[in-house]
Each structure stands twice: as structure tokens, then as C-alpha cells.
Amino acid sequence: MADDRNLTLIGGSTTLPATNGTTPREPNGSVAPGKNGAPAGAAEESKAGTNGTPPAKESKESPAPRERSDQDQQIASDIGMVGQVIAQVFKDATVRAPLSRRGFDTQKLQGGLDLCDTAQKCWNNRQTAMADQLSCTKHVNTLFDAAVKSLSDFRETARATFVDEAPLKALGVTEAVPSDFSKFLTHARSAYAAAQKPEYGPLMTEHGYGTPELKAEVDALKALEEANSEQSRASADAKKATRLRDEAVEPVRTFRSKLMKIARRVFRNDPEQAAKLKF
């Protein structure tokens, strides 16, 4: 007979991370949605991940959370610094005039500011998307933990109520709880439906699993399924926001590189003016 104690959420390339207080991985190798965007449930008797594969470990190529945070802050710093340099050029005619003669006229500088503005908006959008993803992931993990506990309680009650294998098998107690998310939902729904049959209903009702209680369990599974879909959407949005941020910051860095090269040549004999640009 399967032992379903200590059911846990298994993380992996096709599952959500376990609810152990850790922050979901970022979307570039990050919070991986499960199969078809679903998290996978798991049981002590079934430690494998989705489709029987072992839980995937974090890729060695994926940057650590601290490294990703540093990278994110570096991008914000780059955007802000370029904007400040351009503002300084606009402000100081002694700097602006020689740079204008080398191609960085008012129109070119304004274009640089526009690039900074676009990159900053993309950076802000990503922050919002990441916060949304984190919130959705916490929510679906909370519901998943509750669903796992509820099913475990149901199975323990069934074991205490019936002795023969036939009713235990009908109630899904003799098989392991599937680790695949969709199969987990199907298994749980099937078990709750079986508990309402005439041959099992009276005794299960006597032990706290009457029609109202079982309906509540089924409704909780529906809420879990919907929350998982929302988490999948949030994960995709976060991945897209990260891509757009990265694409937007590259032109800013290219602009900064060209401006620095020109400024260094223009002010190579005038360190005081060069210092104004913080090079």
C-alpha cells in the first residue's frame, strides 16, 4: 500500500520550486513552469519529477540569485549614468560644443535620452512582472500544499475506515499519488468522486467526508488549477519582460561606448572637462 505521508512539491525543469522560502528562479533559466505551465505534485512514495524524471537541479550555467540581482542593479546603474552624462553635456556649453562638432549634436544627444527612457521603462516593467510572478508562485504553492495535505488526510481517513483492498483501491489509496500535476488533479478528483458512491459514502460521511466536504475539496482543486494557470501566465510575462529589458539596454550601452570614445579623444588634453562626464 502506498504511503503518502510528507507529500512535498518537487522542483524541476517542468515543475515549480518547492515552498521552502526560496525565491523563484528568474525567467532566463528561472521559475520553470510545469508541463503545460503546471507545477508538479509529489509524494514520498513518488520522488520523481514530471513524467517520472528526477527533479532537475539548478543549471550550472544559470547565475546565482545574488549574481542576477547584481546584474539587474548594474543595468539600472548603466541607464542612469548615461542619462546623467547626457544631461551634463546639455548643461555645459564648453563640453557640448566640441562634442557637437564630432557628431554628438543636440539631436543625437536627445536620441540618447530617448534610448535611456525606453530602457528605464522596460526595466520598471520587468520589476513589476517579477513581483507578479513571485506573488503568483507563492499563491499556487500555498494552494498546492493545502491540496496535498487534504488528500493525505482523506487517504488516512479511508485507511482507518476500510480494511478490504477493494474499497481502498476504489478510493485511490493503494496507488502512489502522481507527481505530474495534471495526474495529481485527476487522481484527487477521482478519489473524492468515489467517496460519494453509495457503497462508500455513508461510512466516509460518518468520518467527516460527506457531500459538502467533498465538494469543498473539489472546489479547492479547481482553484489550484486556476492559480497554476495564472502562475504560468505570470512566468511567461516575466520572461518576456526580461528579454525586452535586455534588448532595450543594449542600445544605451552602445551609445555610451561611442560617446566615451569620442569624448576621450576630444578631451584627452583637458582632464577637467573629461571629469565632468565622469569618465
Protein backbone atom coordinates (compact mmCIF):
# COMPACT_ATOMS: atom_id res chain seq x y z
CA MET A 1 0.00 0.00 0.00
CA ALA A 2 1.33 3.38 -0.87
CA ASP A 3 2.50 5.66 1.94
CA ASP A 4 1.59 9.26 1.18
CA ARG A 5 2.90 10.94 4.30
CA ASN A 6 5.02 14.07 3.98
CA LEU A 7 3.83 14.92 0.49
CA THR A 8 6.03 17.63 -0.95
CA LEU A 9 6.22 19.82 -4.01
CA ILE A 10 9.13 18.82 -6.19
CA GLY A 11 11.01 21.46 -8.20
CA GLY A 12 12.47 20.82 -11.63
CA SER A 13 12.60 21.89 -15.22
CA THR A 14 8.93 21.03 -15.56
CA THR A 15 7.82 21.88 -12.02
CA LEU A 16 7.51 24.79 -9.67
CA PRO A 17 10.10 25.21 -6.92
CA ALA A 18 9.30 23.76 -3.52
CA THR A 19 7.81 26.10 -0.97
CA ASN A 20 10.83 26.26 1.26
CA GLY A 21 11.05 30.02 1.50
CA THR A 22 13.33 30.37 -1.50
CA THR A 23 12.73 32.93 -4.19
CA PRO A 24 11.56 31.51 -7.54
CA ARG A 25 14.27 31.48 -10.15
CA GLU A 26 14.25 34.27 -12.68
CA PRO A 27 12.92 33.66 -16.12
CA ASN A 28 16.09 33.00 -18.04
CA GLY A 29 16.55 29.73 -16.50
CA SER A 30 14.34 30.60 -13.72
CA VAL A 31 10.97 29.67 -12.39
CA ALA A 32 10.23 26.94 -14.79
CA PRO A 33 6.52 26.34 -15.29
CA GLY A 34 5.45 22.75 -15.21
CA LYS A 35 4.24 20.64 -18.07
CA ASN A 36 1.79 22.83 -19.95
CA GLY A 37 2.60 25.53 -17.42
CA ALA A 38 1.73 23.39 -14.40
CA PRO A 39 3.55 22.63 -11.16
CA ALA A 40 4.06 19.02 -10.25
CA GLY A 41 2.86 17.43 -7.08
CA ALA A 42 4.89 14.70 -5.48
CA ALA A 43 4.64 12.16 -2.75
CA GLU A 44 7.10 10.39 -0.51
CA GLU A 45 6.34 7.22 -2.43
CA SER A 46 6.98 9.00 -5.74
CA LYS A 47 10.02 11.25 -5.52
CA ALA A 48 10.47 11.56 -9.27
CA GLY A 49 9.52 14.74 -11.11
CA THR A 50 7.12 15.07 -14.03
CA ASN A 51 6.91 12.01 -16.26
CA GLY A 52 8.99 10.04 -13.77
CA THR A 53 12.14 12.08 -14.26
CA PRO A 54 14.17 13.08 -11.21
CA PRO A 55 13.87 16.67 -10.02
CA ALA A 56 16.14 18.87 -12.09
CA LYS A 57 18.92 20.67 -10.27
CA GLU A 58 19.75 24.28 -10.95
CA SER A 59 21.84 24.52 -14.10
CA LYS A 60 25.49 25.38 -13.55
CA GLU A 61 25.09 27.90 -16.33
CA SER A 62 22.29 29.73 -14.52
CA PRO A 63 23.57 32.69 -12.48
CA ALA A 64 23.02 32.60 -8.74
CA PRO A 65 20.25 34.82 -7.31
CA ARG A 66 22.82 37.29 -5.97
CA GLU A 67 24.53 37.46 -9.37
CA ARG A 68 21.20 38.11 -11.07
CA SER A 69 20.42 40.85 -8.56
CA ASP A 70 23.82 42.42 -9.19
CA GLN A 71 23.22 42.23 -12.94
CA ASP A 72 19.84 43.88 -12.57
CA GLN A 73 21.28 46.71 -10.50
CA GLN A 74 24.15 47.13 -12.96
CA ILE A 75 21.65 47.60 -15.78
CA ALA A 76 19.79 50.23 -13.75
CA SER A 77 23.10 51.94 -12.99
CA ASP A 78 24.12 51.95 -16.66
CA ILE A 79 20.85 53.54 -17.72
CA GLY A 80 21.02 56.19 -15.02
CA MET A 81 24.68 57.01 -15.68
CA VAL A 82 24.19 57.56 -19.42
CA GLY A 83 21.24 59.82 -18.73
CA GLN A 84 23.30 61.85 -16.26
CA VAL A 85 26.20 62.21 -18.69
CA ILE A 86 23.91 63.43 -21.47
CA ALA A 87 22.26 65.87 -19.06
CA GLN A 88 25.70 67.21 -18.15
CA VAL A 89 26.58 67.70 -21.82
CA PHE A 90 23.35 69.62 -22.39
CA LYS A 91 24.06 71.74 -19.33
CA ASP A 92 27.68 72.67 -20.07
CA ALA A 93 28.29 74.52 -23.34
CA THR A 94 32.08 74.08 -23.03
CA VAL A 95 31.53 70.33 -23.21
CA ARG A 96 28.61 70.34 -25.63
CA ALA A 97 30.22 72.46 -28.36
CA PRO A 98 33.28 70.26 -29.11
CA LEU A 99 31.20 67.09 -28.89
CA SER A 100 28.63 68.56 -31.27
CA ARG A 101 31.37 69.09 -33.84
CA ARG A 102 32.22 65.38 -33.53
CA GLY A 103 28.69 64.17 -34.23
CA PHE A 104 27.05 64.38 -30.84
CA ASP A 105 24.80 67.33 -31.56
CA THR A 106 21.52 68.14 -29.84
CA GLN A 107 19.53 65.69 -31.96
CA LYS A 108 21.98 62.86 -31.31
CA LEU A 109 22.02 63.56 -27.58
CA GLN A 110 18.23 63.69 -27.44
CA GLY A 111 18.20 60.32 -29.17
CA GLY A 112 20.40 59.00 -26.39
CA LEU A 113 17.98 60.29 -23.78
CA ASP A 114 15.12 58.59 -25.63
CA LEU A 115 17.05 55.31 -25.51
CA CYS A 116 17.52 55.75 -21.77
CA ASP A 117 13.84 56.47 -21.30
CA THR A 118 12.82 53.34 -23.19
CA ALA A 119 15.31 51.18 -21.30
CA GLN A 120 14.15 52.57 -17.96
CA LYS A 121 10.53 51.81 -18.76
CA CYS A 122 11.48 48.26 -19.73
CA TRP A 123 13.46 47.90 -16.51
CA ASN A 124 10.48 49.12 -14.48
CA ASN A 125 8.11 46.80 -16.35
CA ARG A 126 10.34 43.86 -15.56
CA GLN A 127 10.37 44.71 -11.86
CA THR A 128 6.57 44.68 -11.90
CA ALA A 129 6.46 41.41 -13.85
CA MET A 130 8.89 39.73 -11.48
CA ALA A 131 6.88 40.83 -8.45
CA ASP A 132 3.72 39.46 -10.08
CA GLN A 133 5.42 36.16 -10.83
CA LEU A 134 6.66 35.84 -7.26
CA SER A 135 3.20 36.56 -5.89
CA CYS A 136 1.54 34.04 -8.22
CA THR A 137 4.13 31.39 -7.42
CA LYS A 138 3.66 31.81 -3.67
CA HIS A 139 -0.10 31.62 -4.12
CA VAL A 140 -0.09 28.45 -6.20
CA ASN A 141 2.40 26.80 -3.84
CA THR A 142 0.19 27.65 -0.87
CA LEU A 143 -2.84 26.11 -2.58
CA PHE A 144 -0.81 23.11 -3.68
CA ASP A 145 0.44 22.44 -0.15
CA ALA A 146 -3.14 22.64 1.11
CA ALA A 147 -4.37 20.25 -1.61
CA VAL A 148 -1.62 17.76 -0.81
CA LYS A 149 -2.44 17.87 2.90
CA SER A 150 -6.16 17.50 2.23
CA LEU A 151 -5.63 14.47 0.04
CA SER A 152 -3.30 12.94 2.60
CA ASP A 153 -5.92 13.40 5.34
CA PHE A 154 -8.56 11.87 3.06
CA ARG A 155 -6.39 8.83 2.36
CA GLU A 156 -5.59 8.32 6.05
CA THR A 157 -9.30 8.51 6.83
CA ALA A 158 -10.07 5.95 4.13
CA ARG A 159 -7.44 3.60 5.56
CA ALA A 160 -8.96 3.95 9.00
CA THR A 161 -12.46 3.37 7.65
CA PHE A 162 -11.96 0.39 5.34
CA VAL A 163 -9.88 -2.75 5.69
CA ASP A 164 -10.58 -4.64 2.48
CA GLU A 165 -8.48 -3.84 -0.57
CA ALA A 166 -11.46 -3.28 -2.92
CA PRO A 167 -12.76 -0.07 -1.30
CA LEU A 168 -9.23 1.17 -0.68
CA LYS A 169 -8.41 0.64 -4.33
CA ALA A 170 -11.62 2.37 -5.42
CA LEU A 171 -10.71 5.36 -3.26
CA GLY A 172 -7.24 5.51 -4.80
CA VAL A 173 -5.43 4.71 -1.57
CA THR A 174 -3.49 1.68 -2.81
CA GLU A 175 -1.61 3.63 -5.52
CA ALA A 176 1.03 6.31 -5.22
CA VAL A 177 0.00 9.92 -5.55
CA PRO A 178 1.13 11.01 -9.04
CA SER A 179 3.94 13.55 -9.24
CA ASP A 180 2.65 15.00 -12.51
CA PHE A 181 0.38 17.98 -11.77
CA SER A 182 -2.45 17.08 -14.16
CA LYS A 183 -2.41 13.47 -12.98
CA PHE A 184 -2.42 14.64 -9.37
CA LEU A 185 -5.61 16.62 -10.02
CA THR A 186 -7.22 13.67 -11.82
CA HIS A 187 -6.26 11.29 -9.04
CA ALA A 188 -7.63 13.54 -6.30
CA ARG A 189 -10.87 14.26 -8.14
CA SER A 190 -11.39 10.57 -8.81
CA ALA A 191 -10.84 9.71 -5.15
CA TYR A 192 -13.30 12.36 -3.96
CA ALA A 193 -15.89 11.23 -6.52
CA ALA A 194 -15.55 7.60 -5.43
CA ALA A 195 -16.15 8.61 -1.81
CA GLN A 196 -19.64 9.77 -2.79
CA LYS A 197 -20.71 6.41 -4.19
CA PRO A 198 -23.43 4.54 -2.23
CA GLU A 199 -21.09 1.75 -1.18
CA TYR A 200 -18.56 4.12 0.39
CA GLY A 201 -20.48 7.36 1.02
CA PRO A 202 -22.23 6.51 4.30
CA LEU A 203 -19.06 5.47 6.12
CA MET A 204 -16.99 8.31 4.65
CA THR A 205 -19.73 10.77 5.64
CA GLU A 206 -19.64 9.37 9.15
CA HIS A 207 -15.92 10.15 9.27
CA GLY A 208 -16.21 13.71 8.03
CA TYR A 209 -16.33 13.34 4.25
CA GLY A 210 -19.93 13.98 3.33
CA THR A 211 -21.10 15.66 0.13
CA PRO A 212 -20.48 19.26 1.32
CA GLU A 213 -16.94 18.45 2.49
CA LEU A 214 -16.06 16.60 -0.70
CA LYS A 215 -17.46 19.43 -2.82
CA ALA A 216 -15.22 21.84 -0.93
CA GLU A 217 -12.21 19.66 -1.74
CA VAL A 218 -13.11 19.57 -5.44
CA ASP A 219 -13.60 23.35 -5.46
CA ALA A 220 -10.15 23.74 -3.88
CA LEU A 221 -8.64 21.67 -6.69
CA LYS A 222 -10.31 23.92 -9.25
CA ALA A 223 -8.87 26.99 -7.51
CA LEU A 224 -5.44 25.37 -7.56
CA GLU A 225 -5.72 24.64 -11.27
CA GLU A 226 -6.73 28.23 -12.00
CA ALA A 227 -3.94 29.62 -9.82
CA ASN A 228 -1.43 27.46 -11.64
CA SER A 229 -2.61 28.81 -14.99
CA GLU A 230 -2.18 32.33 -13.65
CA GLN A 231 1.33 31.49 -12.45
CA SER A 232 2.18 30.14 -15.88
CA ARG A 233 0.97 33.39 -17.42
CA ALA A 234 3.00 35.44 -14.95
CA SER A 235 6.11 33.38 -15.63
CA ALA A 236 5.78 33.94 -19.37
CA ASP A 237 5.24 37.66 -18.80
CA ALA A 238 8.35 37.86 -16.63
CA LYS A 239 10.44 36.07 -19.23
CA LYS A 240 9.20 38.43 -21.94
CA ALA A 241 9.85 41.47 -19.74
CA THR A 242 13.40 40.29 -19.11
CA ARG A 243 14.01 39.88 -22.83
CA LEU A 244 12.64 43.34 -23.60
CA ARG A 245 14.76 44.89 -20.85
CA ASP A 246 17.91 43.24 -22.16
CA GLU A 247 17.11 44.32 -25.71
CA ALA A 248 16.45 47.91 -24.61
CA VAL A 249 19.62 48.34 -22.59
CA GLU A 250 21.99 47.27 -25.37
CA PRO A 251 21.48 50.44 -27.49
CA VAL A 252 22.07 52.51 -24.34
CA ARG A 253 25.39 50.79 -23.72
CA THR A 254 26.37 51.17 -27.37
CA PHE A 255 25.56 54.89 -27.23
CA ARG A 256 27.61 55.26 -24.05
CA SER A 257 30.57 53.43 -25.58
CA LYS A 258 30.62 55.66 -28.67
CA LEU A 259 30.20 58.83 -26.61
CA MET A 260 33.05 57.80 -24.31
CA LYS A 261 35.41 57.09 -27.20
CA ILE A 262 34.72 60.45 -28.83
CA ALA A 263 34.91 62.35 -25.53
CA ARG A 264 38.24 60.80 -24.62
CA ARG A 265 39.72 61.91 -27.91
CA VAL A 266 38.20 65.38 -27.68
CA PHE A 267 39.26 65.96 -24.08
CA ARG A 268 42.45 63.90 -23.94
CA ASN A 269 44.40 67.05 -23.10
CA ASP A 270 41.70 68.54 -20.90
CA PRO A 271 41.15 66.24 -17.91
CA GLU A 272 38.98 68.83 -16.18
CA GLN A 273 36.38 68.70 -18.94
CA ALA A 274 36.63 64.93 -19.17
CA ALA A 275 35.97 64.69 -15.44
CA LYS A 276 32.65 66.45 -15.92
CA LEU A 277 31.48 63.43 -17.92
CA LYS A 278 32.52 61.04 -15.15
CA PHE A 279 34.77 59.04 -17.43
